[in-house]
Amino acid sequence: MSFEFKEYDVKSICYPQAWDLREQVLRTPLGLSLTAKDRDSDQNCWHFGLFKNNQIIATVTIEPQDVANDKPQHVKLRQMVVSPDFQNQGLGQKLIKNTEQALHEKSVTSIILAARLPAVKFYQKLGYKPRGSVYHHLRIDHRDMWKNLD
């Protein structure tokens, strides 16, 4: 099965698809919704996805952390999601690895993220290191993690 990896922005035709996927998988099960604040912050982020037949099946949002710098070295990985129809096929790993390569090409040197507790092992397998203790956010437990891309 062939998947295309590409970067897109909030003006792209696929952005509403990505928004719906994030809503469906990350928020609805918690009884929550993405907000206008989420949409506003998305404008300042990079968005990457895996596509099959021009349909987005996995997406991740990357938020630059040093906004004063035109080429931020540090970013935050946010809202990584794979469509339920395509989970457990290695596509999450493929998305992260391709995203890391794209970020490396943008001179990014480190990534931080807040992993939901069940996802910590997934990120550890990809080289991310836990940081700090477990905390409760959006009704579920999280753990901060980081990775150097150097």
N, C-alpha and C. Protein backbone atom coordinates (compact mmCIF):
# COMPACT_ATOMS: atom_id res chain seq x y z
N MET A 1 0.85 -1.18 0.00
CA MET A 1 0.00 0.00 0.00
C MET A 1 0.90 1.24 0.00
N SER A 2 0.62 2.17 -0.87
CA SER A 2 1.46 3.35 -1.05
C SER A 2 0.82 4.57 -0.38
N PHE A 3 1.65 5.28 0.36
CA PHE A 3 1.20 6.48 1.04
C PHE A 3 2.13 7.63 0.68
N GLU A 4 1.56 8.79 0.51
CA GLU A 4 2.34 9.98 0.19
C GLU A 4 2.47 10.84 1.44
N PHE A 5 3.70 11.25 1.76
CA PHE A 5 3.96 12.15 2.87
C PHE A 5 4.11 13.55 2.31
N LYS A 6 3.42 14.52 2.93
CA LYS A 6 3.62 15.90 2.48
C LYS A 6 3.27 16.89 3.58
N GLU A 7 3.82 18.07 3.42
CA GLU A 7 3.51 19.19 4.31
C GLU A 7 2.34 19.96 3.70
N TYR A 8 1.47 20.48 4.54
CA TYR A 8 0.35 21.29 4.09
C TYR A 8 0.13 22.41 5.09
N ASP A 9 -0.70 23.40 4.73
CA ASP A 9 -0.98 24.49 5.66
C ASP A 9 -2.48 24.67 5.84
N VAL A 10 -2.86 25.63 6.66
CA VAL A 10 -4.27 25.81 7.00
C VAL A 10 -5.12 26.26 5.81
N LYS A 11 -4.49 26.72 4.74
CA LYS A 11 -5.23 27.14 3.55
C LYS A 11 -5.40 25.99 2.55
N SER A 12 -4.76 24.87 2.85
CA SER A 12 -4.81 23.72 1.96
C SER A 12 -6.19 23.06 1.99
N ILE A 13 -6.55 22.44 0.89
CA ILE A 13 -7.84 21.75 0.79
C ILE A 13 -7.92 20.58 1.77
N CYS A 14 -6.79 20.03 2.18
CA CYS A 14 -6.81 18.89 3.09
C CYS A 14 -6.88 19.30 4.57
N TYR A 15 -6.70 20.58 4.86
CA TYR A 15 -6.73 21.00 6.27
C TYR A 15 -8.06 20.67 6.95
N PRO A 16 -9.22 20.93 6.34
CA PRO A 16 -10.47 20.54 7.01
C PRO A 16 -10.57 19.03 7.28
N GLN A 17 -10.00 18.22 6.38
CA GLN A 17 -9.97 16.77 6.61
C GLN A 17 -9.12 16.45 7.85
N ALA A 18 -7.97 17.11 7.95
CA ALA A 18 -7.09 16.88 9.10
C ALA A 18 -7.77 17.33 10.39
N TRP A 19 -8.43 18.47 10.34
CA TRP A 19 -9.16 18.99 11.50
C TRP A 19 -10.20 17.97 11.96
N ASP A 20 -10.97 17.45 11.01
CA ASP A 20 -12.00 16.46 11.34
C ASP A 20 -11.40 15.19 11.93
N LEU A 21 -10.27 14.76 11.40
CA LEU A 21 -9.60 13.56 11.91
C LEU A 21 -9.11 13.79 13.34
N ARG A 22 -8.50 14.94 13.58
CA ARG A 22 -8.04 15.27 14.94
C ARG A 22 -9.23 15.31 15.91
N GLU A 23 -10.31 15.92 15.49
CA GLU A 23 -11.52 16.02 16.31
C GLU A 23 -12.05 14.62 16.63
N GLN A 24 -12.21 13.80 15.60
CA GLN A 24 -12.80 12.47 15.73
C GLN A 24 -11.98 11.57 16.67
N VAL A 25 -10.66 11.58 16.53
CA VAL A 25 -9.84 10.63 17.27
C VAL A 25 -9.35 11.18 18.60
N LEU A 26 -9.02 12.45 18.65
CA LEU A 26 -8.41 13.00 19.86
C LEU A 26 -9.37 13.67 20.83
N ARG A 27 -10.43 14.26 20.34
CA ARG A 27 -11.31 15.03 21.23
C ARG A 27 -12.64 14.37 21.52
N THR A 28 -13.34 13.91 20.48
CA THR A 28 -14.69 13.34 20.68
C THR A 28 -14.71 12.23 21.73
N PRO A 29 -13.74 11.30 21.75
CA PRO A 29 -13.79 10.25 22.78
C PRO A 29 -13.69 10.79 24.21
N LEU A 30 -13.17 12.00 24.35
CA LEU A 30 -13.06 12.63 25.68
C LEU A 30 -14.24 13.52 26.00
N GLY A 31 -15.19 13.62 25.07
CA GLY A 31 -16.32 14.52 25.25
C GLY A 31 -15.92 15.98 25.08
N LEU A 32 -14.86 16.22 24.31
CA LEU A 32 -14.34 17.57 24.09
C LEU A 32 -14.38 17.90 22.60
N SER A 33 -14.11 19.16 22.28
CA SER A 33 -14.01 19.60 20.89
C SER A 33 -12.81 20.50 20.73
N LEU A 34 -12.25 20.50 19.53
CA LEU A 34 -11.22 21.48 19.20
C LEU A 34 -11.90 22.86 19.20
N THR A 35 -11.12 23.88 19.47
CA THR A 35 -11.67 25.21 19.66
C THR A 35 -11.14 26.21 18.63
N ALA A 36 -11.73 27.39 18.65
CA ALA A 36 -11.22 28.48 17.80
C ALA A 36 -9.78 28.79 18.16
N LYS A 37 -9.42 28.67 19.43
CA LYS A 37 -8.03 28.89 19.86
C LYS A 37 -7.10 27.88 19.19
N ASP A 38 -7.55 26.62 19.08
CA ASP A 38 -6.76 25.60 18.38
C ASP A 38 -6.56 26.01 16.93
N ARG A 39 -7.63 26.46 16.28
CA ARG A 39 -7.55 26.86 14.87
C ARG A 39 -6.61 28.07 14.70
N ASP A 40 -6.70 29.03 15.64
CA ASP A 40 -5.81 30.19 15.57
C ASP A 40 -4.34 29.79 15.71
N SER A 41 -4.05 28.88 16.65
CA SER A 41 -2.65 28.48 16.83
C SER A 41 -2.16 27.64 15.66
N ASP A 42 -3.06 26.95 14.97
CA ASP A 42 -2.66 26.15 13.81
C ASP A 42 -2.05 27.01 12.70
N GLN A 43 -2.44 28.27 12.63
CA GLN A 43 -1.92 29.16 11.58
C GLN A 43 -0.41 29.37 11.71
N ASN A 44 0.10 29.23 12.93
CA ASN A 44 1.53 29.45 13.19
C ASN A 44 2.31 28.14 13.23
N CYS A 45 1.69 27.05 12.81
CA CYS A 45 2.31 25.73 12.89
C CYS A 45 2.59 25.17 11.51
N TRP A 46 3.41 24.12 11.51
CA TRP A 46 3.64 23.32 10.31
C TRP A 46 2.77 22.07 10.45
N HIS A 47 2.22 21.61 9.36
CA HIS A 47 1.35 20.45 9.36
C HIS A 47 1.87 19.44 8.35
N PHE A 48 1.97 18.19 8.79
CA PHE A 48 2.45 17.12 7.94
C PHE A 48 1.43 16.00 7.94
N GLY A 49 1.34 15.28 6.82
CA GLY A 49 0.38 14.20 6.76
C GLY A 49 0.80 13.07 5.86
N LEU A 50 0.16 11.94 6.07
CA LEU A 50 0.25 10.80 5.16
C LEU A 50 -1.08 10.74 4.41
N PHE A 51 -1.00 10.56 3.11
CA PHE A 51 -2.17 10.58 2.25
C PHE A 51 -2.25 9.29 1.46
N LYS A 52 -3.47 8.84 1.26
CA LYS A 52 -3.75 7.71 0.37
C LYS A 52 -4.85 8.19 -0.57
N ASN A 53 -4.58 8.17 -1.87
CA ASN A 53 -5.54 8.66 -2.87
C ASN A 53 -6.03 10.07 -2.53
N ASN A 54 -5.12 10.94 -2.15
CA ASN A 54 -5.39 12.34 -1.80
C ASN A 54 -6.27 12.53 -0.57
N GLN A 55 -6.49 11.47 0.20
CA GLN A 55 -7.23 11.57 1.46
C GLN A 55 -6.22 11.49 2.60
N ILE A 56 -6.34 12.39 3.57
CA ILE A 56 -5.42 12.37 4.69
C ILE A 56 -5.79 11.21 5.62
N ILE A 57 -4.80 10.40 5.96
CA ILE A 57 -5.05 9.27 6.85
C ILE A 57 -4.26 9.36 8.15
N ALA A 58 -3.31 10.29 8.20
CA ALA A 58 -2.54 10.53 9.43
C ALA A 58 -2.01 11.96 9.36
N THR A 59 -1.95 12.60 10.51
CA THR A 59 -1.49 13.99 10.53
C THR A 59 -0.80 14.32 11.84
N VAL A 60 0.06 15.30 11.79
CA VAL A 60 0.72 15.82 12.98
C VAL A 60 0.91 17.32 12.81
N THR A 61 0.77 18.03 13.90
CA THR A 61 0.95 19.48 13.93
C THR A 61 2.24 19.78 14.69
N ILE A 62 3.07 20.64 14.12
CA ILE A 62 4.35 21.00 14.72
C ILE A 62 4.35 22.49 15.02
N GLU A 63 4.55 22.83 16.28
CA GLU A 63 4.52 24.23 16.72
C GLU A 63 5.94 24.73 17.01
N PRO A 64 6.43 25.69 16.22
CA PRO A 64 7.75 26.27 16.52
C PRO A 64 7.75 26.90 17.90
N GLN A 65 8.85 26.72 18.62
CA GLN A 65 8.93 27.22 20.00
C GLN A 65 9.68 28.53 20.14
N ASP A 66 10.56 28.86 19.22
CA ASP A 66 11.23 30.16 19.29
C ASP A 66 10.72 31.01 18.14
N VAL A 67 9.55 31.60 18.37
CA VAL A 67 8.84 32.31 17.31
C VAL A 67 9.57 33.53 16.78
N ALA A 68 10.47 34.09 17.53
CA ALA A 68 11.21 35.27 17.07
C ALA A 68 12.21 34.91 15.97
N ASN A 69 12.55 33.63 15.90
CA ASN A 69 13.54 33.16 14.95
C ASN A 69 12.85 32.65 13.68
N ASP A 70 13.30 33.10 12.52
CA ASP A 70 12.71 32.64 11.27
C ASP A 70 12.90 31.15 11.06
N LYS A 71 13.96 30.59 11.60
CA LYS A 71 14.24 29.16 11.50
C LYS A 71 14.34 28.58 12.90
N PRO A 72 13.20 28.27 13.51
CA PRO A 72 13.23 27.77 14.89
C PRO A 72 13.99 26.46 15.00
N GLN A 73 14.78 26.34 16.05
CA GLN A 73 15.54 25.12 16.28
C GLN A 73 14.76 24.12 17.13
N HIS A 74 13.80 24.61 17.88
CA HIS A 74 13.05 23.77 18.81
C HIS A 74 11.56 23.84 18.46
N VAL A 75 10.91 22.67 18.46
CA VAL A 75 9.50 22.61 18.12
C VAL A 75 8.76 21.71 19.11
N LYS A 76 7.44 21.88 19.10
CA LYS A 76 6.57 21.01 19.91
C LYS A 76 5.68 20.21 18.96
N LEU A 77 5.71 18.90 19.12
CA LEU A 77 4.85 18.02 18.35
C LEU A 77 3.49 17.98 19.04
N ARG A 78 2.44 18.28 18.28
CA ARG A 78 1.09 18.33 18.84
C ARG A 78 0.13 17.51 17.99
N GLN A 79 -0.82 16.92 18.62
CA GLN A 79 -1.97 16.30 17.97
C GLN A 79 -1.61 15.38 16.81
N MET A 80 -0.80 14.38 17.10
CA MET A 80 -0.48 13.35 16.12
C MET A 80 -1.61 12.33 16.15
N VAL A 81 -2.11 12.00 14.97
CA VAL A 81 -3.25 11.08 14.90
C VAL A 81 -3.21 10.27 13.60
N VAL A 82 -3.63 9.02 13.72
CA VAL A 82 -3.80 8.14 12.56
C VAL A 82 -5.27 7.74 12.52
N SER A 83 -5.85 7.77 11.34
CA SER A 83 -7.25 7.36 11.17
C SER A 83 -7.47 5.97 11.75
N PRO A 84 -8.57 5.75 12.46
CA PRO A 84 -8.85 4.42 13.02
C PRO A 84 -8.80 3.31 11.97
N ASP A 85 -9.17 3.60 10.73
CA ASP A 85 -9.14 2.60 9.66
C ASP A 85 -7.72 2.18 9.27
N PHE A 86 -6.71 2.94 9.70
CA PHE A 86 -5.33 2.67 9.29
C PHE A 86 -4.39 2.47 10.48
N GLN A 87 -4.93 2.34 11.67
CA GLN A 87 -4.08 2.15 12.85
C GLN A 87 -3.49 0.75 12.87
N ASN A 88 -2.41 0.61 13.63
CA ASN A 88 -1.70 -0.67 13.81
C ASN A 88 -1.11 -1.21 12.51
N GLN A 89 -0.69 -0.29 11.65
CA GLN A 89 -0.04 -0.68 10.39
C GLN A 89 1.33 -0.02 10.25
N GLY A 90 1.83 0.59 11.33
CA GLY A 90 3.14 1.24 11.29
C GLY A 90 3.10 2.64 10.70
N LEU A 91 1.92 3.18 10.45
CA LEU A 91 1.83 4.50 9.80
C LEU A 91 2.16 5.63 10.75
N GLY A 92 1.90 5.45 12.04
CA GLY A 92 2.30 6.47 13.02
C GLY A 92 3.81 6.63 13.03
N GLN A 93 4.53 5.52 13.04
CA GLN A 93 6.00 5.57 12.99
C GLN A 93 6.47 6.21 11.68
N LYS A 94 5.83 5.82 10.59
CA LYS A 94 6.21 6.38 9.28
C LYS A 94 5.99 7.90 9.28
N LEU A 95 4.86 8.35 9.82
CA LEU A 95 4.58 9.78 9.88
C LEU A 95 5.62 10.51 10.71
N ILE A 96 5.94 9.98 11.89
CA ILE A 96 6.91 10.63 12.77
C ILE A 96 8.29 10.66 12.12
N LYS A 97 8.73 9.56 11.57
CA LYS A 97 10.07 9.51 10.95
C LYS A 97 10.17 10.49 9.78
N ASN A 98 9.15 10.54 8.94
CA ASN A 98 9.16 11.49 7.82
C ASN A 98 9.11 12.93 8.32
N THR A 99 8.33 13.17 9.36
CA THR A 99 8.25 14.51 9.94
C THR A 99 9.59 14.93 10.52
N GLU A 100 10.24 14.02 11.24
CA GLU A 100 11.56 14.34 11.79
C GLU A 100 12.55 14.68 10.69
N GLN A 101 12.52 13.95 9.58
CA GLN A 101 13.40 14.24 8.45
C GLN A 101 13.11 15.62 7.88
N ALA A 102 11.83 15.95 7.72
CA ALA A 102 11.45 17.28 7.20
C ALA A 102 11.88 18.37 8.16
N LEU A 103 11.76 18.12 9.45
CA LEU A 103 12.18 19.11 10.45
C LEU A 103 13.69 19.28 10.45
N HIS A 104 14.41 18.18 10.31
CA HIS A 104 15.88 18.25 10.23
C HIS A 104 16.29 19.12 9.04
N GLU A 105 15.58 18.98 7.92
CA GLU A 105 15.87 19.80 6.74
C GLU A 105 15.55 21.28 6.98
N LYS A 106 14.69 21.56 7.96
CA LYS A 106 14.37 22.95 8.33
C LYS A 106 15.29 23.45 9.45
N SER A 107 16.34 22.68 9.76
CA SER A 107 17.34 23.01 10.79
C SER A 107 16.80 22.91 12.21
N VAL A 108 15.73 22.17 12.41
CA VAL A 108 15.22 21.92 13.76
C VAL A 108 16.15 20.93 14.44
N THR A 109 16.49 21.22 15.71
CA THR A 109 17.42 20.35 16.44
C THR A 109 16.76 19.55 17.56
N SER A 110 15.57 19.96 18.02
CA SER A 110 14.93 19.18 19.08
C SER A 110 13.41 19.30 19.02
N ILE A 111 12.77 18.24 19.52
CA ILE A 111 11.31 18.15 19.54
C ILE A 111 10.88 17.83 20.97
N ILE A 112 9.85 18.52 21.43
CA ILE A 112 9.21 18.17 22.70
C ILE A 112 7.77 17.78 22.39
N LEU A 113 7.15 17.04 23.30
CA LEU A 113 5.75 16.68 23.13
C LEU A 113 5.17 16.27 24.48
N ALA A 114 3.86 16.30 24.55
CA ALA A 114 3.12 15.81 25.71
C ALA A 114 2.39 14.56 25.26
N ALA A 115 2.90 13.40 25.63
CA ALA A 115 2.32 12.13 25.19
C ALA A 115 1.24 11.67 26.16
N ARG A 116 0.14 11.23 25.61
CA ARG A 116 -0.84 10.54 26.45
C ARG A 116 -0.14 9.29 26.97
N LEU A 117 -0.41 8.93 28.21
CA LEU A 117 0.32 7.84 28.85
C LEU A 117 0.37 6.56 28.01
N PRO A 118 -0.73 6.13 27.38
CA PRO A 118 -0.64 4.91 26.57
C PRO A 118 0.30 5.04 25.36
N ALA A 119 0.65 6.26 24.95
CA ALA A 119 1.52 6.47 23.78
C ALA A 119 2.99 6.61 24.14
N VAL A 120 3.32 6.63 25.42
CA VAL A 120 4.71 6.84 25.84
C VAL A 120 5.64 5.79 25.23
N LYS A 121 5.26 4.52 25.26
CA LYS A 121 6.12 3.46 24.71
C LYS A 121 6.30 3.62 23.20
N PHE A 122 5.27 4.06 22.50
CA PHE A 122 5.36 4.32 21.07
C PHE A 122 6.48 5.34 20.80
N TYR A 123 6.46 6.44 21.54
CA TYR A 123 7.47 7.48 21.34
C TYR A 123 8.85 7.03 21.81
N GLN A 124 8.92 6.24 22.88
CA GLN A 124 10.21 5.74 23.34
C GLN A 124 10.87 4.87 22.27
N LYS A 125 10.08 4.07 21.57
CA LYS A 125 10.63 3.23 20.49
C LYS A 125 11.22 4.08 19.37
N LEU A 126 10.75 5.31 19.26
CA LEU A 126 11.25 6.23 18.24
C LEU A 126 12.37 7.13 18.76
N GLY A 127 12.84 6.86 19.99
CA GLY A 127 13.98 7.58 20.54
C GLY A 127 13.65 8.76 21.43
N TYR A 128 12.39 8.97 21.75
CA TYR A 128 12.01 10.07 22.64
C TYR A 128 12.25 9.66 24.09
N LYS A 129 12.66 10.62 24.90
CA LYS A 129 12.97 10.38 26.31
C LYS A 129 11.93 11.05 27.20
N PRO A 130 11.45 10.32 28.22
CA PRO A 130 10.52 10.94 29.17
C PRO A 130 11.19 12.06 29.94
N ARG A 131 10.41 13.04 30.31
CA ARG A 131 10.91 14.19 31.07
C ARG A 131 9.85 14.54 32.12
N GLY A 132 10.27 14.62 33.38
CA GLY A 132 9.34 14.99 34.44
C GLY A 132 8.41 13.84 34.80
N SER A 133 7.40 14.17 35.58
CA SER A 133 6.48 13.14 36.05
C SER A 133 5.16 13.20 35.28
N VAL A 134 4.34 12.19 35.50
CA VAL A 134 3.03 12.10 34.87
C VAL A 134 2.12 13.20 35.43
N TYR A 135 1.31 13.80 34.56
CA TYR A 135 0.36 14.83 34.99
C TYR A 135 -0.96 14.66 34.25
N HIS A 136 -1.99 15.24 34.79
CA HIS A 136 -3.34 15.11 34.24
C HIS A 136 -3.67 16.34 33.39
N HIS A 137 -4.07 16.13 32.14
CA HIS A 137 -4.40 17.22 31.22
C HIS A 137 -5.50 16.72 30.29
N LEU A 138 -6.51 17.53 30.04
CA LEU A 138 -7.63 17.16 29.17
C LEU A 138 -8.24 15.82 29.58
N ARG A 139 -8.41 15.65 30.88
CA ARG A 139 -9.07 14.46 31.45
C ARG A 139 -8.28 13.17 31.37
N ILE A 140 -7.01 13.23 30.92
CA ILE A 140 -6.19 12.02 30.85
C ILE A 140 -4.76 12.30 31.27
N ASP A 141 -4.03 11.23 31.63
CA ASP A 141 -2.65 11.37 32.06
C ASP A 141 -1.72 11.54 30.87
N HIS A 142 -0.73 12.41 31.05
CA HIS A 142 0.28 12.71 30.03
C HIS A 142 1.67 12.62 30.65
N ARG A 143 2.66 12.54 29.76
CA ARG A 143 4.06 12.60 30.17
C ARG A 143 4.80 13.40 29.12
N ASP A 144 5.55 14.42 29.55
CA ASP A 144 6.37 15.19 28.61
C ASP A 144 7.53 14.33 28.13
N MET A 145 7.89 14.53 26.86
CA MET A 145 8.99 13.78 26.25
C MET A 145 9.76 14.72 25.33
N TRP A 146 10.99 14.32 24.98
CA TRP A 146 11.81 15.14 24.10
C TRP A 146 12.75 14.24 23.28
N LYS A 147 13.25 14.82 22.19
CA LYS A 147 14.21 14.12 21.35
C LYS A 147 15.09 15.14 20.65
N ASN A 148 16.39 14.88 20.64
CA ASN A 148 17.32 15.70 19.85
C ASN A 148 17.38 15.11 18.45
N LEU A 149 17.39 15.98 17.45
CA LEU A 149 17.49 15.54 16.06
C LEU A 149 18.90 15.64 15.50
N ASP A 150 19.83 16.13 16.30
CA ASP A 150 21.23 16.27 15.84
C ASP A 150 21.87 14.91 15.59
